[in-house]
N, C-alpha and C. Protein backbone atom coordinates (compact mmCIF):
# COMPACT_ATOMS: atom_id res chain seq x y z
N UNK A 1 14.81 10.26 7.69
CA UNK A 1 14.63 8.89 7.23
C UNK A 1 13.75 8.89 5.98
N UNK A 2 14.00 7.96 5.11
CA UNK A 2 13.25 7.86 3.86
C UNK A 2 11.80 7.47 4.16
N UNK A 3 10.93 7.88 3.24
CA UNK A 3 9.53 7.55 3.36
C UNK A 3 9.04 6.97 2.05
N UNK A 4 7.91 6.28 2.13
CA UNK A 4 7.29 5.67 0.95
C UNK A 4 5.97 6.36 0.67
N UNK A 5 5.77 6.76 -0.58
CA UNK A 5 4.48 7.28 -1.02
C UNK A 5 3.78 6.13 -1.73
N UNK A 6 2.68 5.66 -1.16
CA UNK A 6 1.97 4.48 -1.65
C UNK A 6 0.63 4.93 -2.22
N UNK A 7 0.39 4.57 -3.48
CA UNK A 7 -0.84 4.95 -4.18
C UNK A 7 -1.56 3.69 -4.63
N UNK A 8 -2.85 3.58 -4.32
CA UNK A 8 -3.63 2.43 -4.78
C UNK A 8 -4.02 2.67 -6.22
N UNK A 9 -3.71 1.70 -7.10
CA UNK A 9 -3.98 1.86 -8.53
C UNK A 9 -5.01 0.87 -9.06
N UNK A 10 -5.34 -0.15 -8.27
CA UNK A 10 -6.32 -1.15 -8.69
C UNK A 10 -7.32 -1.40 -7.57
N UNK A 11 -8.47 -1.93 -7.95
CA UNK A 11 -9.54 -2.22 -7.00
C UNK A 11 -9.21 -3.44 -6.16
N UNK A 12 -9.77 -3.46 -4.95
CA UNK A 12 -9.58 -4.60 -4.05
C UNK A 12 -10.75 -5.59 -4.12
N UNK A 13 -11.70 -5.36 -5.01
CA UNK A 13 -12.96 -6.12 -5.02
C UNK A 13 -12.75 -7.63 -5.15
N UNK A 14 -11.96 -8.09 -6.08
CA UNK A 14 -11.84 -9.54 -6.29
C UNK A 14 -10.60 -10.13 -5.63
N UNK A 15 -10.07 -9.45 -4.64
CA UNK A 15 -8.85 -9.91 -3.97
C UNK A 15 -9.17 -10.70 -2.71
N UNK A 16 -8.17 -11.43 -2.22
CA UNK A 16 -8.33 -12.22 -1.00
C UNK A 16 -8.49 -11.31 0.21
N UNK A 17 -9.07 -11.86 1.26
CA UNK A 17 -9.36 -11.07 2.46
C UNK A 17 -8.09 -10.51 3.09
N UNK A 18 -7.00 -11.27 3.10
CA UNK A 18 -5.78 -10.76 3.73
C UNK A 18 -5.22 -9.56 2.96
N UNK A 19 -5.42 -9.53 1.64
CA UNK A 19 -4.96 -8.39 0.86
C UNK A 19 -5.85 -7.17 1.10
N UNK A 20 -7.14 -7.37 1.26
CA UNK A 20 -8.04 -6.28 1.62
C UNK A 20 -7.66 -5.69 2.97
N UNK A 21 -7.36 -6.58 3.92
CA UNK A 21 -6.97 -6.13 5.26
C UNK A 21 -5.66 -5.35 5.22
N UNK A 22 -4.74 -5.78 4.37
CA UNK A 22 -3.46 -5.09 4.24
C UNK A 22 -3.66 -3.68 3.69
N UNK A 23 -4.51 -3.54 2.68
CA UNK A 23 -4.80 -2.21 2.15
C UNK A 23 -5.40 -1.31 3.23
N UNK A 24 -6.30 -1.86 4.02
CA UNK A 24 -6.91 -1.09 5.11
C UNK A 24 -5.85 -0.69 6.13
N UNK A 25 -4.91 -1.59 6.43
CA UNK A 25 -3.85 -1.28 7.38
C UNK A 25 -2.94 -0.17 6.87
N UNK A 26 -2.76 -0.11 5.57
CA UNK A 26 -1.95 0.95 4.98
C UNK A 26 -2.71 2.27 4.90
N UNK A 27 -4.02 2.24 5.11
CA UNK A 27 -4.83 3.45 5.06
C UNK A 27 -5.37 3.76 3.68
N UNK A 28 -5.43 2.74 2.81
CA UNK A 28 -5.92 2.93 1.44
C UNK A 28 -7.34 2.40 1.35
N UNK A 29 -8.26 3.25 0.88
CA UNK A 29 -9.66 2.85 0.84
C UNK A 29 -10.23 2.76 -0.55
N UNK A 30 -9.65 3.50 -1.50
CA UNK A 30 -10.20 3.52 -2.85
C UNK A 30 -9.09 3.78 -3.86
N UNK A 31 -9.40 3.56 -5.13
CA UNK A 31 -8.43 3.79 -6.19
C UNK A 31 -8.04 5.28 -6.20
N UNK A 32 -6.75 5.53 -6.27
CA UNK A 32 -6.25 6.89 -6.26
C UNK A 32 -5.89 7.40 -4.88
N UNK A 33 -6.21 6.64 -3.84
CA UNK A 33 -5.87 7.04 -2.49
C UNK A 33 -4.35 6.99 -2.30
N UNK A 34 -3.81 7.96 -1.57
CA UNK A 34 -2.37 8.07 -1.37
C UNK A 34 -2.10 8.14 0.12
N UNK A 35 -1.06 7.43 0.57
CA UNK A 35 -0.61 7.52 1.94
C UNK A 35 0.91 7.58 1.95
N UNK A 36 1.45 8.23 2.96
CA UNK A 36 2.90 8.31 3.12
C UNK A 36 3.25 7.59 4.40
N UNK A 37 4.13 6.59 4.27
CA UNK A 37 4.52 5.76 5.41
C UNK A 37 6.03 5.75 5.54
N UNK A 38 6.49 5.45 6.73
CA UNK A 38 7.92 5.31 6.99
C UNK A 38 8.47 4.09 6.25
N UNK A 39 9.69 4.18 5.75
CA UNK A 39 10.31 3.07 5.03
C UNK A 39 10.97 2.14 6.04
N UNK A 40 10.22 1.11 6.45
CA UNK A 40 10.76 0.10 7.36
C UNK A 40 10.32 -1.28 6.89
N UNK A 41 10.81 -2.31 7.55
CA UNK A 41 10.54 -3.67 7.08
C UNK A 41 9.06 -4.04 7.17
N UNK A 42 8.36 -3.52 8.16
CA UNK A 42 6.93 -3.82 8.29
C UNK A 42 6.15 -3.27 7.10
N UNK A 43 6.37 -2.02 6.77
CA UNK A 43 5.65 -1.42 5.65
C UNK A 43 6.08 -2.02 4.31
N UNK A 44 7.35 -2.41 4.19
CA UNK A 44 7.80 -3.09 2.97
C UNK A 44 7.08 -4.43 2.81
N UNK A 45 6.85 -5.13 3.91
CA UNK A 45 6.10 -6.38 3.86
C UNK A 45 4.67 -6.17 3.42
N UNK A 46 4.03 -5.11 3.94
CA UNK A 46 2.68 -4.77 3.51
C UNK A 46 2.64 -4.53 2.00
N UNK A 47 3.62 -3.75 1.52
CA UNK A 47 3.66 -3.41 0.10
C UNK A 47 3.88 -4.66 -0.75
N UNK A 48 4.73 -5.57 -0.29
CA UNK A 48 4.97 -6.80 -1.05
C UNK A 48 3.71 -7.65 -1.14
N UNK A 49 2.87 -7.63 -0.12
CA UNK A 49 1.64 -8.40 -0.12
C UNK A 49 0.66 -7.89 -1.18
N UNK A 50 0.62 -6.59 -1.39
CA UNK A 50 -0.35 -6.01 -2.33
C UNK A 50 0.36 -5.28 -3.48
N UNK A 51 1.51 -5.77 -3.88
CA UNK A 51 2.34 -5.09 -4.89
C UNK A 51 1.60 -4.91 -6.21
N UNK A 52 0.70 -5.82 -6.54
CA UNK A 52 -0.04 -5.73 -7.80
C UNK A 52 -1.18 -4.71 -7.75
N UNK A 53 -1.46 -4.17 -6.57
CA UNK A 53 -2.56 -3.21 -6.41
C UNK A 53 -2.09 -1.78 -6.15
N UNK A 54 -0.79 -1.61 -5.87
CA UNK A 54 -0.28 -0.30 -5.49
C UNK A 54 0.93 0.11 -6.31
N UNK A 55 1.20 1.42 -6.29
CA UNK A 55 2.41 1.97 -6.88
C UNK A 55 3.19 2.62 -5.74
N UNK A 56 4.49 2.37 -5.66
CA UNK A 56 5.30 2.85 -4.55
C UNK A 56 6.41 3.75 -5.07
N UNK A 57 6.59 4.89 -4.40
CA UNK A 57 7.68 5.81 -4.71
C UNK A 57 8.41 6.13 -3.42
N UNK A 58 9.74 6.23 -3.49
CA UNK A 58 10.51 6.66 -2.33
C UNK A 58 10.65 8.17 -2.37
N UNK A 59 10.41 8.81 -1.22
CA UNK A 59 10.58 10.25 -1.11
C UNK A 59 11.48 10.53 0.09
N UNK A 60 12.09 11.70 0.08
CA UNK A 60 12.98 12.06 1.19
C UNK A 60 12.34 13.04 2.13
């Protein structure tokens, strides 16, 4: 199954609380942090919530 490589590229400091919580749920704590998650609708929703803070790549 395809996977998503999610990299945090911007700070969460001036963002809303729900966006901070979403980053924490994805396992991202600081700029440059990388996590690999399964490509499913739940994780796609997380990414859409914080799309301006992360970079997403599909990997096999």
